[in-house]
PDB file of N, CA and C in Angstrom:
ATOM      1  N   MET A   1     -15.422  41.517  -4.355  1.00  0.00           N
ATOM      2  CA  MET A   1     -14.556  40.393  -4.654  1.00  0.00           C
ATOM      3  C   MET A   1     -14.839  39.241  -3.692  1.00  0.00           C
ATOM      4  N   SER A   2     -14.818  38.073  -4.224  1.00  0.00           N
ATOM      5  CA  SER A   2     -15.069  36.883  -3.432  1.00  0.00           C
ATOM      6  C   SER A   2     -13.740  36.266  -3.015  1.00  0.00           C
ATOM      7  N   SER A   3     -13.689  35.730  -1.798  1.00  0.00           N
ATOM      8  CA  SER A   3     -12.446  35.135  -1.312  1.00  0.00           C
ATOM      9  C   SER A   3     -12.406  33.632  -1.584  1.00  0.00           C
ATOM     10  N   SER A   4     -13.472  33.064  -2.132  1.00  0.00           N
ATOM     11  CA  SER A   4     -13.461  31.634  -2.405  1.00  0.00           C
ATOM     12  C   SER A   4     -12.649  31.353  -3.663  1.00  0.00           C
ATOM     13  N   PRO A   5     -11.975  30.189  -3.703  1.00  0.00           N
ATOM     14  CA  PRO A   5     -11.152  29.877  -4.870  1.00  0.00           C
ATOM     15  C   PRO A   5     -12.019  29.637  -6.103  1.00  0.00           C
ATOM     16  N   SER A   6     -11.412  29.839  -7.247  1.00  0.00           N
ATOM     17  CA  SER A   6     -12.144  29.624  -8.493  1.00  0.00           C
ATOM     18  C   SER A   6     -12.413  28.128  -8.676  1.00  0.00           C
ATOM     19  N   PRO A   7     -13.413  27.778  -9.478  1.00  0.00           N
ATOM     20  CA  PRO A   7     -13.717  26.354  -9.685  1.00  0.00           C
ATOM     21  C   PRO A   7     -12.540  25.571 -10.253  1.00  0.00           C
ATOM     22  N   SER A   8     -11.731  26.181 -11.119  1.00  0.00           N
ATOM     23  CA  SER A   8     -10.594  25.451 -11.684  1.00  0.00           C
ATOM     24  C   SER A   8      -9.525  25.195 -10.624  1.00  0.00           C
ATOM     25  N   ALA A   9      -9.328  26.128  -9.698  1.00  0.00           N
ATOM     26  CA  ALA A   9      -8.351  25.925  -8.621  1.00  0.00           C
ATOM     27  C   ALA A   9      -8.819  24.830  -7.677  1.00  0.00           C
ATOM     28  N   ARG A  10     -10.122  24.800  -7.383  1.00  0.00           N
ATOM     29  CA  ARG A  10     -10.665  23.744  -6.527  1.00  0.00           C
ATOM     30  C   ARG A  10     -10.517  22.384  -7.193  1.00  0.00           C
ATOM     31  N   GLY A  11     -10.780  22.334  -8.501  1.00  0.00           N
ATOM     32  CA  GLY A  11     -10.646  21.072  -9.237  1.00  0.00           C
ATOM     33  C   GLY A  11      -9.211  20.592  -9.277  1.00  0.00           C
ATOM     34  N   GLY A  12      -8.265  21.516  -9.363  1.00  0.00           N
ATOM     35  CA  GLY A  12      -6.850  21.150  -9.368  1.00  0.00           C
ATOM     36  C   GLY A  12      -6.423  20.564  -8.035  1.00  0.00           C
ATOM     37  N   ARG A  13      -6.887  21.181  -6.960  1.00  0.00           N
ATOM     38  CA  ARG A  13      -6.561  20.650  -5.629  1.00  0.00           C
ATOM     39  C   ARG A  13      -7.208  19.297  -5.409  1.00  0.00           C
ATOM     40  N   LEU A  14      -8.421  19.139  -5.909  1.00  0.00           N
ATOM     41  CA  LEU A  14      -9.120  17.862  -5.774  1.00  0.00           C
ATOM     42  C   LEU A  14      -8.397  16.771  -6.561  1.00  0.00           C
ATOM     43  N   ALA A  15      -7.893  17.118  -7.741  1.00  0.00           N
ATOM     44  CA  ALA A  15      -7.151  16.147  -8.549  1.00  0.00           C
ATOM     45  C   ALA A  15      -5.857  15.735  -7.848  1.00  0.00           C
ATOM     46  N   VAL A  16      -5.156  16.687  -7.257  1.00  0.00           N
ATOM     47  CA  VAL A  16      -3.922  16.365  -6.535  1.00  0.00           C
ATOM     48  C   VAL A  16      -4.243  15.465  -5.334  1.00  0.00           C
ATOM     49  N   LEU A  17      -5.308  15.751  -4.636  1.00  0.00           N
ATOM     50  CA  LEU A  17      -5.720  14.922  -3.507  1.00  0.00           C
ATOM     51  C   LEU A  17      -6.068  13.511  -3.969  1.00  0.00           C
ATOM     52  N   ALA A  18      -6.799  13.394  -5.068  1.00  0.00           N
ATOM     53  CA  ALA A  18      -7.185  12.075  -5.586  1.00  0.00           C
ATOM     54  C   ALA A  18      -5.959  11.269  -6.002  1.00  0.00           C
ATOM     55  N   VAL A  19      -5.019  11.906  -6.685  1.00  0.00           N
ATOM     56  CA  VAL A  19      -3.797  11.207  -7.103  1.00  0.00           C
ATOM     57  C   VAL A  19      -2.983  10.790  -5.880  1.00  0.00           C
ATOM     58  N   GLY A  20      -2.896  11.657  -4.894  1.00  0.00           N
ATOM     59  CA  GLY A  20      -2.174  11.320  -3.670  1.00  0.00           C
ATOM     60  C   GLY A  20      -2.791  10.142  -2.936  1.00  0.00           C
ATOM     61  N   LEU A  21      -4.099  10.107  -2.852  1.00  0.00           N
ATOM     62  CA  LEU A  21      -4.778   8.988  -2.189  1.00  0.00           C
ATOM     63  C   LEU A  21      -4.593   7.687  -2.961  1.00  0.00           C
ATOM     64  N   CYS A  22      -4.607   7.775  -4.285  1.00  0.00           N
ATOM     65  CA  CYS A  22      -4.377   6.574  -5.099  1.00  0.00           C
ATOM     66  C   CYS A  22      -2.967   6.039  -4.894  1.00  0.00           C
ATOM     67  N   TRP A  23      -1.977   6.925  -4.839  1.00  0.00           N
ATOM     68  CA  TRP A  23      -0.605   6.482  -4.617  1.00  0.00           C
ATOM     69  C   TRP A  23      -0.438   5.866  -3.231  1.00  0.00           C
ATOM     70  N   LEU A  24      -1.129   6.403  -2.242  1.00  0.00           N
ATOM     71  CA  LEU A  24      -1.082   5.794  -0.912  1.00  0.00           C
ATOM     72  C   LEU A  24      -1.669   4.387  -0.937  1.00  0.00           C
ATOM     73  N   ALA A  25      -2.754   4.204  -1.666  1.00  0.00           N
ATOM     74  CA  ALA A  25      -3.363   2.874  -1.780  1.00  0.00           C
ATOM     75  C   ALA A  25      -2.394   1.899  -2.444  1.00  0.00           C
ATOM     76  N   VAL A  26      -1.718   2.329  -3.501  1.00  0.00           N
ATOM     77  CA  VAL A  26      -0.744   1.468  -4.184  1.00  0.00           C
ATOM     78  C   VAL A  26       0.419   1.156  -3.254  1.00  0.00           C
ATOM     79  N   LEU A  27       0.890   2.145  -2.520  1.00  0.00           N
ATOM     80  CA  LEU A  27       1.997   1.947  -1.589  1.00  0.00           C
ATOM     81  C   LEU A  27       1.649   0.917  -0.526  1.00  0.00           C
ATOM     82  N   PHE A  28       0.479   1.050   0.091  1.00  0.00           N
ATOM     83  CA  PHE A  28       0.098   0.117   1.144  1.00  0.00           C
ATOM     84  C   PHE A  28      -0.217  -1.262   0.581  1.00  0.00           C
ATOM     85  N   ASP A  29      -0.687  -1.351  -0.652  1.00  0.00           N
ATOM     86  CA  ASP A  29      -0.936  -2.640  -1.274  1.00  0.00           C
ATOM     87  C   ASP A  29       0.383  -3.368  -1.500  1.00  0.00           C
ATOM     88  N   GLY A  30       1.403  -2.664  -1.927  1.00  0.00           N
ATOM     89  CA  GLY A  30       2.710  -3.279  -2.124  1.00  0.00           C
ATOM     90  C   GLY A  30       3.427  -3.550  -0.823  1.00  0.00           C
ATOM     91  N   LEU A  31       3.157  -2.753   0.174  1.00  0.00           N
ATOM     92  CA  LEU A  31       3.829  -2.908   1.463  1.00  0.00           C
ATOM     93  C   LEU A  31       3.479  -4.242   2.113  1.00  0.00           C
ATOM     94  N   ASP A  32       2.237  -4.678   2.007  1.00  0.00           N
ATOM     95  CA  ASP A  32       1.877  -5.942   2.647  1.00  0.00           C
ATOM     96  C   ASP A  32       2.600  -7.115   1.990  1.00  0.00           C
ATOM     97  N   MET A  33       2.813  -7.063   0.673  1.00  0.00           N
ATOM     98  CA  MET A  33       3.558  -8.139   0.010  1.00  0.00           C
ATOM     99  C   MET A  33       5.036  -8.100   0.398  1.00  0.00           C
ATOM    100  N   PHE A  34       5.578  -6.920   0.589  1.00  0.00           N
ATOM    101  CA  PHE A  34       6.971  -6.799   1.033  1.00  0.00           C
ATOM    102  C   PHE A  34       7.137  -7.392   2.428  1.00  0.00           C
ATOM    103  N   VAL A  35       6.233  -7.060   3.330  1.00  0.00           N
ATOM    104  CA  VAL A  35       6.309  -7.576   4.702  1.00  0.00           C
ATOM    105  C   VAL A  35       6.129  -9.088   4.701  1.00  0.00           C
ATOM    106  N   TYR A  36       5.155  -9.579   3.934  1.00  0.00           N
ATOM    107  CA  TYR A  36       4.925 -11.025   3.860  1.00  0.00           C
ATOM    108  C   TYR A  36       6.161 -11.741   3.330  1.00  0.00           C
ATOM    109  N   GLY A  37       6.770 -11.197   2.290  1.00  0.00           N
ATOM    110  CA  GLY A  37       7.946 -11.826   1.705  1.00  0.00           C
ATOM    111  C   GLY A  37       9.154 -11.811   2.617  1.00  0.00           C
ATOM    112  N   SER A  38       9.270 -10.796   3.435  1.00  0.00           N
ATOM    113  CA  SER A  38      10.424 -10.730   4.324  1.00  0.00           C
ATOM    114  C   SER A  38      10.207 -11.506   5.622  1.00  0.00           C
ATOM    115  N   VAL A  39       8.977 -11.736   6.010  1.00  0.00           N
ATOM    116  CA  VAL A  39       8.692 -12.434   7.264  1.00  0.00           C
ATOM    117  C   VAL A  39       8.519 -13.941   7.049  1.00  0.00           C
ATOM    118  N   LEU A  40       8.082 -14.347   5.869  1.00  0.00           N
ATOM    119  CA  LEU A  40       7.783 -15.754   5.615  1.00  0.00           C
ATOM    120  C   LEU A  40       8.962 -16.695   5.869  1.00  0.00           C
ATOM    121  N   PRO A  41      10.186 -16.378   5.435  1.00  0.00           N
ATOM    122  CA  PRO A  41      11.284 -17.307   5.736  1.00  0.00           C
ATOM    123  C   PRO A  41      11.490 -17.528   7.235  1.00  0.00           C
ATOM    124  N   HIS A  42      11.305 -16.510   8.016  1.00  0.00           N
ATOM    125  CA  HIS A  42      11.453 -16.665   9.470  1.00  0.00           C
ATOM    126  C   HIS A  42      10.304 -17.471  10.051  1.00  0.00           C
ATOM    127  N   MET A  43       9.127 -17.328   9.472  1.00  0.00           N
ATOM    128  CA  MET A  43       7.990 -18.119   9.943  1.00  0.00           C
ATOM    129  C   MET A  43       8.183 -19.597   9.615  1.00  0.00           C
ATOM    130  N   LEU A  44       8.811 -19.898   8.471  1.00  0.00           N
ATOM    131  CA  LEU A  44       9.063 -21.293   8.108  1.00  0.00           C
ATOM    132  C   LEU A  44      10.097 -21.939   9.029  1.00  0.00           C
ATOM    133  N   GLU A  45      11.005 -21.141   9.589  1.00  0.00           N
ATOM    134  CA  GLU A  45      12.006 -21.680  10.512  1.00  0.00           C
ATOM    135  C   GLU A  45      11.393 -22.107  11.838  1.00  0.00           C
ATOM    136  N   GLN A  46      10.304 -21.492  12.227  1.00  0.00           N
ATOM    137  CA  GLN A  46       9.659 -21.802  13.504  1.00  0.00           C
ATOM    138  C   GLN A  46       8.814 -23.064  13.338  1.00  0.00           C
ATOM    139  N   LYS A  47       9.273 -24.158  13.890  1.00  0.00           N
ATOM    140  CA  LYS A  47       8.559 -25.431  13.738  1.00  0.00           C
ATOM    141  C   LYS A  47       7.244 -25.439  14.512  1.00  0.00           C
ATOM    142  N   ALA A  48       7.123 -24.602  15.528  1.00  0.00           N
ATOM    143  CA  ALA A  48       5.901 -24.575  16.337  1.00  0.00           C
ATOM    144  C   ALA A  48       4.700 -24.064  15.547  1.00  0.00           C
ATOM    145  N   LEU A  49       4.943 -23.321  14.476  1.00  0.00           N
ATOM    146  CA  LEU A  49       3.840 -22.779  13.676  1.00  0.00           C
ATOM    147  C   LEU A  49       3.231 -23.836  12.764  1.00  0.00           C
ATOM    148  N   GLY A  50       3.951 -24.910  12.481  1.00  0.00           N
ATOM    149  CA  GLY A  50       3.433 -25.984  11.630  1.00  0.00           C
ATOM    150  C   GLY A  50       3.436 -25.658  10.152  1.00  0.00           C
ATOM    151  N   LEU A  51       4.227 -24.673   9.730  1.00  0.00           N
ATOM    152  CA  LEU A  51       4.292 -24.322   8.319  1.00  0.00           C
ATOM    153  C   LEU A  51       5.412 -25.113   7.652  1.00  0.00           C
ATOM    154  N   THR A  52       5.177 -25.539   6.434  1.00  0.00           N
ATOM    155  CA  THR A  52       6.197 -26.225   5.663  1.00  0.00           C
ATOM    156  C   THR A  52       6.253 -25.614   4.270  1.00  0.00           C
ATOM    157  N   PRO A  53       7.423 -25.632   3.639  1.00  0.00           N
ATOM    158  CA  PRO A  53       7.503 -25.142   2.265  1.00  0.00           C
ATOM    159  C   PRO A  53       6.773 -26.095   1.312  1.00  0.00           C
ATOM    160  N   ARG A  54       6.374 -25.576   0.155  1.00  0.00           N
ATOM    161  CA  ARG A  54       5.713 -26.413  -0.835  1.00  0.00           C
ATOM    162  C   ARG A  54       6.672 -27.472  -1.338  1.00  0.00           C
ATOM    163  N   PRO A  55       6.188 -28.688  -1.554  1.00  0.00           N
ATOM    164  CA  PRO A  55       7.065 -29.739  -2.106  1.00  0.00           C
ATOM    165  C   PRO A  55       7.563 -29.366  -3.491  1.00  0.00           C
ATOM    166  N   GLY A  56       8.793 -29.735  -3.789  1.00  0.00           N
ATOM    167  CA  GLY A  56       9.352 -29.457  -5.100  1.00  0.00           C
ATOM    168  C   GLY A  56       9.990 -28.091  -5.226  1.00  0.00           C
ATOM    169  N   ARG A  57      10.102 -27.373  -4.151  1.00  0.00           N
ATOM    170  CA  ARG A  57      10.740 -26.048  -4.218  1.00  0.00           C
ATOM    171  C   ARG A  57      11.978 -26.026  -3.371  1.00  0.00           C
TER     172      ARG A  57
END
């Protein structure tokens, strides 16, 4: 008897790993927009940074 996992079990673990890595990528992609959106109003308050809101907004 062999102690190595069957090819279907290895493929299942690989699929779970791939899906998990994809979800992490989506999470971190959305996280940067969340941080930017929550920090931007405070950055606009700091006049030393030289940032101004877009005209007409």
